[in-house]
PDB file of N, CA and C in Angstrom:
ATOM      1  N   MET A   1       1.024  15.337 -33.506  1.00  0.00           N
ATOM      2  CA  MET A   1       0.277  16.592 -33.474  1.00  0.00           C
ATOM      3  C   MET A   1       1.104  17.664 -34.164  1.00  0.00           C
ATOM      4  N   PRO A   2       0.557  18.338 -35.178  1.00  0.00           N
ATOM      5  CA  PRO A   2       1.332  19.359 -35.882  1.00  0.00           C
ATOM      6  C   PRO A   2       1.555  20.592 -35.009  1.00  0.00           C
ATOM      7  N   GLY A   3       2.710  21.211 -35.186  1.00  0.00           N
ATOM      8  CA  GLY A   3       3.035  22.418 -34.451  1.00  0.00           C
ATOM      9  C   GLY A   3       2.525  23.654 -35.168  1.00  0.00           C
ATOM     10  N   VAL A   4       2.605  24.770 -34.484  1.00  0.00           N
ATOM     11  CA  VAL A   4       2.188  26.042 -35.057  1.00  0.00           C
ATOM     12  C   VAL A   4       3.420  26.900 -35.273  1.00  0.00           C
ATOM     13  N   ASN A   5       3.556  27.446 -36.447  1.00  0.00           N
ATOM     14  CA  ASN A   5       4.670  28.337 -36.780  1.00  0.00           C
ATOM     15  C   ASN A   5       4.075  29.512 -37.527  1.00  0.00           C
ATOM     16  N   GLN A   6       3.691  30.545 -36.789  1.00  0.00           N
ATOM     17  CA  GLN A   6       3.126  31.737 -37.400  1.00  0.00           C
ATOM     18  C   GLN A   6       3.665  32.958 -36.669  1.00  0.00           C
ATOM     19  N   LEU A   7       4.056  33.952 -37.444  1.00  0.00           N
ATOM     20  CA  LEU A   7       4.565  35.190 -36.879  1.00  0.00           C
ATOM     21  C   LEU A   7       3.784  36.340 -37.486  1.00  0.00           C
ATOM     22  N   VAL A   8       3.341  37.250 -36.647  1.00  0.00           N
ATOM     23  CA  VAL A   8       2.711  38.489 -37.087  1.00  0.00           C
ATOM     24  C   VAL A   8       3.535  39.616 -36.485  1.00  0.00           C
ATOM     25  N   ILE A   9       4.031  40.515 -37.327  1.00  0.00           N
ATOM     26  CA  ILE A   9       4.870  41.603 -36.843  1.00  0.00           C
ATOM     27  C   ILE A   9       4.602  42.864 -37.661  1.00  0.00           C
ATOM     28  N   THR A  10       4.551  43.980 -36.973  1.00  0.00           N
ATOM     29  CA  THR A  10       4.485  45.271 -37.651  1.00  0.00           C
ATOM     30  C   THR A  10       5.919  45.737 -37.815  1.00  0.00           C
ATOM     31  N   ALA A  11       6.292  46.028 -39.053  1.00  0.00           N
ATOM     32  CA  ALA A  11       7.677  46.403 -39.331  1.00  0.00           C
ATOM     33  C   ALA A  11       7.728  47.284 -40.558  1.00  0.00           C
ATOM     34  N   SER A  12       8.835  47.992 -40.681  1.00  0.00           N
ATOM     35  CA  SER A  12       9.047  48.803 -41.880  1.00  0.00           C
ATOM     36  C   SER A  12      10.013  48.067 -42.804  1.00  0.00           C
ATOM     37  N   ILE A  13       9.869  48.343 -44.081  1.00  0.00           N
ATOM     38  CA  ILE A  13      10.759  47.765 -45.085  1.00  0.00           C
ATOM     39  C   ILE A  13      12.047  48.573 -45.059  1.00  0.00           C
ATOM     40  N   ALA A  14      13.137  47.936 -44.671  1.00  0.00           N
ATOM     41  CA  ALA A  14      14.411  48.639 -44.538  1.00  0.00           C
ATOM     42  C   ALA A  14      15.292  48.481 -45.771  1.00  0.00           C
ATOM     43  N   GLN A  15      15.210  47.345 -46.427  1.00  0.00           N
ATOM     44  CA  GLN A  15      16.052  47.077 -47.599  1.00  0.00           C
ATOM     45  C   GLN A  15      15.356  46.048 -48.470  1.00  0.00           C
ATOM     46  N   VAL A  16      15.436  46.247 -49.778  1.00  0.00           N
ATOM     47  CA  VAL A  16      14.858  45.304 -50.732  1.00  0.00           C
ATOM     48  C   VAL A  16      15.915  44.973 -51.763  1.00  0.00           C
ATOM     49  N   ASN A  17      16.175  43.689 -51.954  1.00  0.00           N
ATOM     50  CA  ASN A  17      17.104  43.264 -52.999  1.00  0.00           C
ATOM     51  C   ASN A  17      16.365  43.192 -54.334  1.00  0.00           C
ATOM     52  N   ALA A  18      17.097  43.042 -55.394  1.00  0.00           N
ATOM     53  CA  ALA A  18      16.495  42.939 -56.721  1.00  0.00           C
ATOM     54  C   ALA A  18      15.634  41.682 -56.799  1.00  0.00           C
ATOM     55  N   LEU A  19      14.518  41.788 -57.499  1.00  0.00           N
ATOM     56  CA  LEU A  19      13.645  40.642 -57.706  1.00  0.00           C
ATOM     57  C   LEU A  19      14.432  39.559 -58.439  1.00  0.00           C
ATOM     58  N   ARG A  20      14.327  38.338 -57.944  1.00  0.00           N
ATOM     59  CA  ARG A  20      15.004  37.211 -58.583  1.00  0.00           C
ATOM     60  C   ARG A  20      13.956  36.161 -58.897  1.00  0.00           C
ATOM     61  N   TYR A  21      14.393  35.106 -59.564  1.00  0.00           N
ATOM     62  CA  TYR A  21      13.472  34.031 -59.920  1.00  0.00           C
ATOM     63  C   TYR A  21      14.038  32.695 -59.466  1.00  0.00           C
ATOM     64  N   THR A  22      13.177  31.845 -58.921  1.00  0.00           N
ATOM     65  CA  THR A  22      13.591  30.513 -58.501  1.00  0.00           C
ATOM     66  C   THR A  22      13.852  29.671 -59.752  1.00  0.00           C
ATOM     67  N   PRO A  23      14.505  28.522 -59.600  1.00  0.00           N
ATOM     68  CA  PRO A  23      14.705  27.653 -60.769  1.00  0.00           C
ATOM     69  C   PRO A  23      13.390  27.268 -61.463  1.00  0.00           C
ATOM     70  N   ALA A  24      12.297  27.275 -60.714  1.00  0.00           N
ATOM     71  CA  ALA A  24      10.986  26.964 -61.299  1.00  0.00           C
ATOM     72  C   ALA A  24      10.340  28.192 -61.949  1.00  0.00           C
ATOM     73  N   GLY A  25      11.036  29.341 -61.926  1.00  0.00           N
ATOM     74  CA  GLY A  25      10.518  30.558 -62.555  1.00  0.00           C
ATOM     75  C   GLY A  25       9.621  31.396 -61.675  1.00  0.00           C
ATOM     76  N   LEU A  26       9.564  31.098 -60.391  1.00  0.00           N
ATOM     77  CA  LEU A  26       8.723  31.840 -59.455  1.00  0.00           C
ATOM     78  C   LEU A  26       9.455  33.099 -58.992  1.00  0.00           C
ATOM     79  N   PRO A  27       8.819  34.289 -59.058  1.00  0.00           N
ATOM     80  CA  PRO A  27       9.459  35.496 -58.545  1.00  0.00           C
ATOM     81  C   PRO A  27       9.748  35.355 -57.048  1.00  0.00           C
ATOM     82  N   ALA A  28      10.906  35.836 -56.625  1.00  0.00           N
ATOM     83  CA  ALA A  28      11.299  35.788 -55.217  1.00  0.00           C
ATOM     84  C   ALA A  28      11.951  37.112 -54.843  1.00  0.00           C
ATOM     85  N   LEU A  29      11.658  37.588 -53.647  1.00  0.00           N
ATOM     86  CA  LEU A  29      12.190  38.863 -53.190  1.00  0.00           C
ATOM     87  C   LEU A  29      12.768  38.704 -51.790  1.00  0.00           C
ATOM     88  N   ASP A  30      14.046  39.023 -51.636  1.00  0.00           N
ATOM     89  CA  ASP A  30      14.694  39.030 -50.325  1.00  0.00           C
ATOM     90  C   ASP A  30      14.673  40.457 -49.803  1.00  0.00           C
ATOM     91  N   LEU A  31      14.306  40.618 -48.534  1.00  0.00           N
ATOM     92  CA  LEU A  31      14.251  41.953 -47.956  1.00  0.00           C
ATOM     93  C   LEU A  31      14.631  41.902 -46.485  1.00  0.00           C
ATOM     94  N   ARG A  32      14.829  43.079 -45.918  1.00  0.00           N
ATOM     95  CA  ARG A  32      15.144  43.212 -44.494  1.00  0.00           C
ATOM     96  C   ARG A  32      14.080  44.100 -43.878  1.00  0.00           C
ATOM     97  N   LEU A  33      13.548  43.658 -42.757  1.00  0.00           N
ATOM     98  CA  LEU A  33      12.515  44.400 -42.036  1.00  0.00           C
ATOM     99  C   LEU A  33      13.074  44.919 -40.724  1.00  0.00           C
ATOM    100  N   GLU A  34      12.543  46.053 -40.262  1.00  0.00           N
ATOM    101  CA  GLU A  34      12.922  46.623 -38.974  1.00  0.00           C
ATOM    102  C   GLU A  34      11.662  46.881 -38.156  1.00  0.00           C
ATOM    103  N   HIS A  35      11.730  46.497 -36.886  1.00  0.00           N
ATOM    104  CA  HIS A  35      10.627  46.707 -35.954  1.00  0.00           C
ATOM    105  C   HIS A  35      11.156  47.462 -34.739  1.00  0.00           C
ATOM    106  N   GLU A  36      10.348  48.389 -34.230  1.00  0.00           N
ATOM    107  CA  GLU A  36      10.693  49.123 -33.011  1.00  0.00           C
ATOM    108  C   GLU A  36       9.415  49.388 -32.234  1.00  0.00           C
ATOM    109  N   SER A  37       9.441  49.076 -30.939  1.00  0.00           N
ATOM    110  CA  SER A  37       8.264  49.311 -30.103  1.00  0.00           C
ATOM    111  C   SER A  37       8.664  49.321 -28.629  1.00  0.00           C
ATOM    112  N   GLN A  38       7.684  49.655 -27.796  1.00  0.00           N
ATOM    113  CA  GLN A  38       7.843  49.551 -26.348  1.00  0.00           C
ATOM    114  C   GLN A  38       6.871  48.490 -25.869  1.00  0.00           C
ATOM    115  N   LEU A  39       7.380  47.538 -25.088  1.00  0.00           N
ATOM    116  CA  LEU A  39       6.565  46.449 -24.581  1.00  0.00           C
ATOM    117  C   LEU A  39       6.777  46.312 -23.083  1.00  0.00           C
ATOM    118  N   ASN A  40       5.794  45.728 -22.424  1.00  0.00           N
ATOM    119  CA  ASN A  40       5.930  45.438 -21.001  1.00  0.00           C
ATOM    120  C   ASN A  40       6.478  44.034 -20.833  1.00  0.00           C
ATOM    121  N   GLU A  41       7.519  43.922 -20.011  1.00  0.00           N
ATOM    122  CA  GLU A  41       8.105  42.635 -19.699  1.00  0.00           C
ATOM    123  C   GLU A  41       8.474  42.641 -18.225  1.00  0.00           C
ATOM    124  N   ALA A  42       7.943  41.679 -17.484  1.00  0.00           N
ATOM    125  CA  ALA A  42       8.202  41.581 -16.036  1.00  0.00           C
ATOM    126  C   ALA A  42       7.919  42.913 -15.342  1.00  0.00           C
ATOM    127  N   GLU A  43       6.781  43.505 -15.704  1.00  0.00           N
ATOM    128  CA  GLU A  43       6.308  44.759 -15.119  1.00  0.00           C
ATOM    129  C   GLU A  43       7.239  45.938 -15.373  1.00  0.00           C
ATOM    130  N   GLN A  44       8.061  45.833 -16.392  1.00  0.00           N
ATOM    131  CA  GLN A  44       8.952  46.927 -16.799  1.00  0.00           C
ATOM    132  C   GLN A  44       8.684  47.254 -18.268  1.00  0.00           C
ATOM    133  N   VAL A  45       8.811  48.527 -18.601  1.00  0.00           N
ATOM    134  CA  VAL A  45       8.691  48.933 -20.001  1.00  0.00           C
ATOM    135  C   VAL A  45      10.038  48.691 -20.668  1.00  0.00           C
ATOM    136  N   ARG A  46      10.001  48.031 -21.800  1.00  0.00           N
ATOM    137  CA  ARG A  46      11.236  47.698 -22.507  1.00  0.00           C
ATOM    138  C   ARG A  46      11.174  48.224 -23.928  1.00  0.00           C
ATOM    139  N   GLN A  47      12.228  48.901 -24.338  1.00  0.00           N
ATOM    140  CA  GLN A  47      12.364  49.360 -25.718  1.00  0.00           C
ATOM    141  C   GLN A  47      12.873  48.187 -26.548  1.00  0.00           C
ATOM    142  N   VAL A  48      12.131  47.820 -27.580  1.00  0.00           N
ATOM    143  CA  VAL A  48      12.475  46.656 -28.399  1.00  0.00           C
ATOM    144  C   VAL A  48      12.801  47.107 -29.815  1.00  0.00           C
ATOM    145  N   LYS A  49      13.937  46.646 -30.319  1.00  0.00           N
ATOM    146  CA  LYS A  49      14.324  46.874 -31.706  1.00  0.00           C
ATOM    147  C   LYS A  49      14.779  45.543 -32.277  1.00  0.00           C
ATOM    148  N   VAL A  50      14.336  45.231 -33.474  1.00  0.00           N
ATOM    149  CA  VAL A  50      14.767  43.994 -34.116  1.00  0.00           C
ATOM    150  C   VAL A  50      14.820  44.194 -35.627  1.00  0.00           C
ATOM    151  N   GLU A  51      15.829  43.605 -36.238  1.00  0.00           N
ATOM    152  CA  GLU A  51      15.937  43.533 -37.691  1.00  0.00           C
ATOM    153  C   GLU A  51      15.819  42.072 -38.064  1.00  0.00           C
ATOM    154  N   MET A  52      15.147  41.787 -39.163  1.00  0.00           N
ATOM    155  CA  MET A  52      15.054  40.400 -39.589  1.00  0.00           C
ATOM    156  C   MET A  52      15.040  40.303 -41.101  1.00  0.00           C
ATOM    157  N   LYS A  53      15.596  39.195 -41.562  1.00  0.00           N
ATOM    158  CA  LYS A  53      15.539  38.898 -42.984  1.00  0.00           C
ATOM    159  C   LYS A  53      14.179  38.306 -43.278  1.00  0.00           C
ATOM    160  N   ALA A  54      13.693  38.604 -44.486  1.00  0.00           N
ATOM    161  CA  ALA A  54      12.405  38.074 -44.908  1.00  0.00           C
ATOM    162  C   ALA A  54      12.481  37.736 -46.389  1.00  0.00           C
ATOM    163  N   VAL A  55      11.549  36.911 -46.831  1.00  0.00           N
ATOM    164  CA  VAL A  55      11.468  36.537 -48.236  1.00  0.00           C
ATOM    165  C   VAL A  55       9.993  36.416 -48.611  1.00  0.00           C
ATOM    166  N   ALA A  56       9.698  36.785 -49.850  1.00  0.00           N
ATOM    167  CA  ALA A  56       8.340  36.636 -50.379  1.00  0.00           C
ATOM    168  C   ALA A  56       8.444  36.011 -51.770  1.00  0.00           C
ATOM    169  N   PHE A  57       7.414  35.268 -52.154  1.00  0.00           N
ATOM    170  CA  PHE A  57       7.409  34.579 -53.439  1.00  0.00           C
ATOM    171  C   PHE A  57       6.152  34.922 -54.230  1.00  0.00           C
ATOM    172  N   GLY A  58       6.231  34.739 -55.533  1.00  0.00           N
ATOM    173  CA  GLY A  58       5.073  34.912 -56.412  1.00  0.00           C
ATOM    174  C   GLY A  58       4.638  36.356 -56.546  1.00  0.00           C
ATOM    175  N   ALA A  59       3.327  36.531 -56.760  1.00  0.00           N
ATOM    176  CA  ALA A  59       2.772  37.878 -56.931  1.00  0.00           C
ATOM    177  C   ALA A  59       3.018  38.737 -55.700  1.00  0.00           C
ATOM    178  N   LEU A  60       3.055  38.113 -54.526  1.00  0.00           N
ATOM    179  CA  LEU A  60       3.328  38.838 -53.288  1.00  0.00           C
ATOM    180  C   LEU A  60       4.702  39.494 -53.339  1.00  0.00           C
ATOM    181  N   ALA A  61       5.690  38.800 -53.877  1.00  0.00           N
ATOM    182  CA  ALA A  61       7.044  39.354 -54.014  1.00  0.00           C
ATOM    183  C   ALA A  61       7.029  40.584 -54.908  1.00  0.00           C
ATOM    184  N   GLU A  62       6.301  40.503 -55.998  1.00  0.00           N
ATOM    185  CA  GLU A  62       6.230  41.642 -56.930  1.00  0.00           C
ATOM    186  C   GLU A  62       5.543  42.835 -56.277  1.00  0.00           C
ATOM    187  N   THR A  63       4.489  42.585 -55.505  1.00  0.00           N
ATOM    188  CA  THR A  63       3.754  43.670 -54.844  1.00  0.00           C
ATOM    189  C   THR A  63       4.597  44.326 -53.752  1.00  0.00           C
ATOM    190  N   ILE A  64       5.245  43.523 -52.922  1.00  0.00           N
ATOM    191  CA  ILE A  64       6.080  44.086 -51.858  1.00  0.00           C
ATOM    192  C   ILE A  64       7.233  44.883 -52.467  1.00  0.00           C
ATOM    193  N   GLY A  65       7.789  44.403 -53.564  1.00  0.00           N
ATOM    194  CA  GLY A  65       8.902  45.083 -54.222  1.00  0.00           C
ATOM    195  C   GLY A  65       8.565  46.482 -54.706  1.00  0.00           C
ATOM    196  N   ARG A  66       7.283  46.775 -54.880  1.00  0.00           N
ATOM    197  CA  ARG A  66       6.861  48.113 -55.332  1.00  0.00           C
ATOM    198  C   ARG A  66       6.607  49.084 -54.176  1.00  0.00           C
ATOM    199  N   GLN A  67       6.716  48.597 -52.928  1.00  0.00           N
ATOM    200  CA  GLN A  67       6.438  49.464 -51.773  1.00  0.00           C
ATOM    201  C   GLN A  67       7.683  50.280 -51.426  1.00  0.00           C
ATOM    202  N   PRO A  68       7.482  51.503 -50.953  1.00  0.00           N
ATOM    203  CA  PRO A  68       8.640  52.354 -50.643  1.00  0.00           C
ATOM    204  C   PRO A  68       9.425  51.884 -49.418  1.00  0.00           C
ATOM    205  N   ILE A  69      10.722  52.094 -49.475  1.00  0.00           N
ATOM    206  CA  ILE A  69      11.577  51.832 -48.312  1.00  0.00           C
ATOM    207  C   ILE A  69      11.088  52.730 -47.174  1.00  0.00           C
ATOM    208  N   GLY A  70      11.014  52.178 -45.993  1.00  0.00           N
ATOM    209  CA  GLY A  70      10.545  52.933 -44.829  1.00  0.00           C
ATOM    210  C   GLY A  70       9.057  52.792 -44.577  1.00  0.00           C
ATOM    211  N   SER A  71       8.299  52.259 -45.545  1.00  0.00           N
ATOM    212  CA  SER A  71       6.861  52.103 -45.318  1.00  0.00           C
ATOM    213  C   SER A  71       6.618  50.989 -44.308  1.00  0.00           C
ATOM    214  N   GLN A  72       5.579  51.155 -43.506  1.00  0.00           N
ATOM    215  CA  GLN A  72       5.305  50.228 -42.399  1.00  0.00           C
ATOM    216  C   GLN A  72       4.091  49.377 -42.737  1.00  0.00           C
ATOM    217  N   TRP A  73       4.191  48.083 -42.409  1.00  0.00           N
ATOM    218  CA  TRP A  73       3.160  47.110 -42.732  1.00  0.00           C
ATOM    219  C   TRP A  73       3.031  46.094 -41.599  1.00  0.00           C
ATOM    220  N   ARG A  74       1.937  45.378 -41.614  1.00  0.00           N
ATOM    221  CA  ARG A  74       1.772  44.213 -40.731  1.00  0.00           C
ATOM    222  C   ARG A  74       2.015  42.982 -41.603  1.00  0.00           C
ATOM    223  N   PHE A  75       3.079  42.254 -41.290  1.00  0.00           N
ATOM    224  CA  PHE A  75       3.468  41.075 -42.045  1.00  0.00           C
ATOM    225  C   PHE A  75       3.042  39.821 -41.294  1.00  0.00           C
ATOM    226  N   THR A  76       2.540  38.838 -42.024  1.00  0.00           N
ATOM    227  CA  THR A  76       2.172  37.547 -41.455  1.00  0.00           C
ATOM    228  C   THR A  76       2.902  36.475 -42.250  1.00  0.00           C
ATOM    229  N   GLY A  77       3.462  35.510 -41.543  1.00  0.00           N
ATOM    230  CA  GLY A  77       4.160  34.432 -42.222  1.00  0.00           C
ATOM    231  C   GLY A  77       4.673  33.407 -41.234  1.00  0.00           C
ATOM    232  N   PHE A  78       5.687  32.668 -41.660  1.00  0.00           N
ATOM    233  CA  PHE A  78       6.274  31.645 -40.804  1.00  0.00           C
ATOM    234  C   PHE A  78       7.790  31.756 -40.852  1.00  0.00           C
ATOM    235  N   LEU A  79       8.445  31.206 -39.839  1.00  0.00           N
ATOM    236  CA  LEU A  79       9.900  31.239 -39.747  1.00  0.00           C
ATOM    237  C   LEU A  79      10.495  29.936 -40.249  1.00  0.00           C
ATOM    238  N   ALA A  80      11.580  30.068 -41.011  1.00  0.00           N
ATOM    239  CA  ALA A  80      12.340  28.906 -41.478  1.00  0.00           C
ATOM    240  C   ALA A  80      13.801  29.331 -41.579  1.00  0.00           C
ATOM    241  N   THR A  81      14.696  28.387 -41.399  1.00  0.00           N
ATOM    242  CA  THR A  81      16.115  28.663 -41.551  1.00  0.00           C
ATOM    243  C   THR A  81      16.477  28.514 -43.022  1.00  0.00           C
ATOM    244  N   ALA A  82      17.220  29.478 -43.542  1.00  0.00           N
ATOM    245  CA  ALA A  82      17.657  29.407 -44.933  1.00  0.00           C
ATOM    246  C   ALA A  82      18.540  28.179 -45.125  1.00  0.00           C
ATOM    247  N   ARG A  83      18.531  27.634 -46.307  1.00  0.00           N
ATOM    248  CA  ARG A  83      19.313  26.424 -46.584  1.00  0.00           C
ATOM    249  C   ARG A  83      20.785  26.592 -46.244  1.00  0.00           C
ATOM    250  N   ASN A  84      21.332  27.762 -46.530  1.00  0.00           N
ATOM    251  CA  ASN A  84      22.766  27.987 -46.308  1.00  0.00           C
ATOM    252  C   ASN A  84      23.022  28.901 -45.112  1.00  0.00           C
ATOM    253  N   GLY A  85      22.050  29.056 -44.239  1.00  0.00           N
ATOM    254  CA  GLY A  85      22.217  29.997 -43.135  1.00  0.00           C
ATOM    255  C   GLY A  85      21.951  29.375 -41.781  1.00  0.00           C
ATOM    256  N   LYS A  86      22.140  30.185 -40.771  1.00  0.00           N
ATOM    257  CA  LYS A  86      21.918  29.743 -39.393  1.00  0.00           C
ATOM    258  C   LYS A  86      20.758  30.477 -38.739  1.00  0.00           C
ATOM    259  N   HIS A  87      20.332  31.578 -39.353  1.00  0.00           N
ATOM    260  CA  HIS A  87      19.339  32.441 -38.728  1.00  0.00           C
ATOM    261  C   HIS A  87      17.972  32.259 -39.373  1.00  0.00           C
ATOM    262  N   PRO A  88      16.917  32.422 -38.589  1.00  0.00           N
ATOM    263  CA  PRO A  88      15.578  32.292 -39.155  1.00  0.00           C
ATOM    264  C   PRO A  88      15.263  33.421 -40.134  1.00  0.00           C
ATOM    265  N   VAL A  89      14.456  33.098 -41.116  1.00  0.00           N
ATOM    266  CA  VAL A  89      13.989  34.052 -42.121  1.00  0.00           C
ATOM    267  C   VAL A  89      12.466  34.016 -42.095  1.00  0.00           C
ATOM    268  N   LEU A  90      11.845  35.196 -42.098  1.00  0.00           N
ATOM    269  CA  LEU A  90      10.389  35.275 -42.160  1.00  0.00           C
ATOM    270  C   LEU A  90       9.945  35.041 -43.601  1.00  0.00           C
ATOM    271  N   HIS A  91       9.168  34.005 -43.835  1.00  0.00           N
ATOM    272  CA  HIS A  91       8.571  33.741 -45.138  1.00  0.00           C
ATOM    273  C   HIS A  91       7.206  34.422 -45.123  1.00  0.00           C
ATOM    274  N   ILE A  92       7.103  35.533 -45.838  1.00  0.00           N
ATOM    275  CA  ILE A  92       5.894  36.354 -45.807  1.00  0.00           C
ATOM    276  C   ILE A  92       4.785  35.673 -46.610  1.00  0.00           C
ATOM    277  N   GLN A  93       3.617  35.531 -45.972  1.00  0.00           N
ATOM    278  CA  GLN A  93       2.452  34.962 -46.630  1.00  0.00           C
ATOM    279  C   GLN A  93       1.399  36.020 -46.943  1.00  0.00           C
ATOM    280  N   SER A  94       1.423  37.117 -46.182  1.00  0.00           N
ATOM    281  CA  SER A  94       0.516  38.235 -46.450  1.00  0.00           C
ATOM    282  C   SER A  94       1.054  39.476 -45.772  1.00  0.00           C
ATOM    283  N   PHE A  95       0.606  40.631 -46.264  1.00  0.00           N
ATOM    284  CA  PHE A  95       0.952  41.885 -45.604  1.00  0.00           C
ATOM    285  C   PHE A  95      -0.164  42.861 -45.857  1.00  0.00           C
ATOM    286  N   GLN A  96      -0.323  43.782 -44.920  1.00  0.00           N
ATOM    287  CA  GLN A  96      -1.370  44.804 -45.038  1.00  0.00           C
ATOM    288  C   GLN A  96      -0.942  46.050 -44.297  1.00  0.00           C
ATOM    289  N   GLN A  97      -1.578  47.149 -44.656  1.00  0.00           N
ATOM    290  CA  GLN A  97      -1.305  48.410 -43.976  1.00  0.00           C
ATOM    291  C   GLN A  97      -1.740  48.252 -42.542  1.00  0.00           C
ATOM    292  N   ASP A  98      -0.885  48.660 -41.601  1.00  0.00           N
ATOM    293  CA  ASP A  98      -1.199  48.505 -40.180  1.00  0.00           C
ATOM    294  C   ASP A  98      -2.122  49.608 -39.716  1.00  0.00           C
TER     295      ASP A  98
END
């Protein structure tokens, strides 16, 4: 039975690296996202802050790269560990104004 790996998060673009290209010539963009909110957990209000690495490919990478730092979006994608890393990276599949 296949598993589900989907993440939807509202976050702001905190940092964008220069657009790069994969060996196959596909545009790729590495970025850092920041999320901040208040959530209920165990009947308590909790202040939540998280930073995460993200990556986008193709036309999506080019479009995200044109967005201003600090702009907030709803990102949808999946988590994967980078080949040379230990931490999960959000692979962005779509984004829209929240």
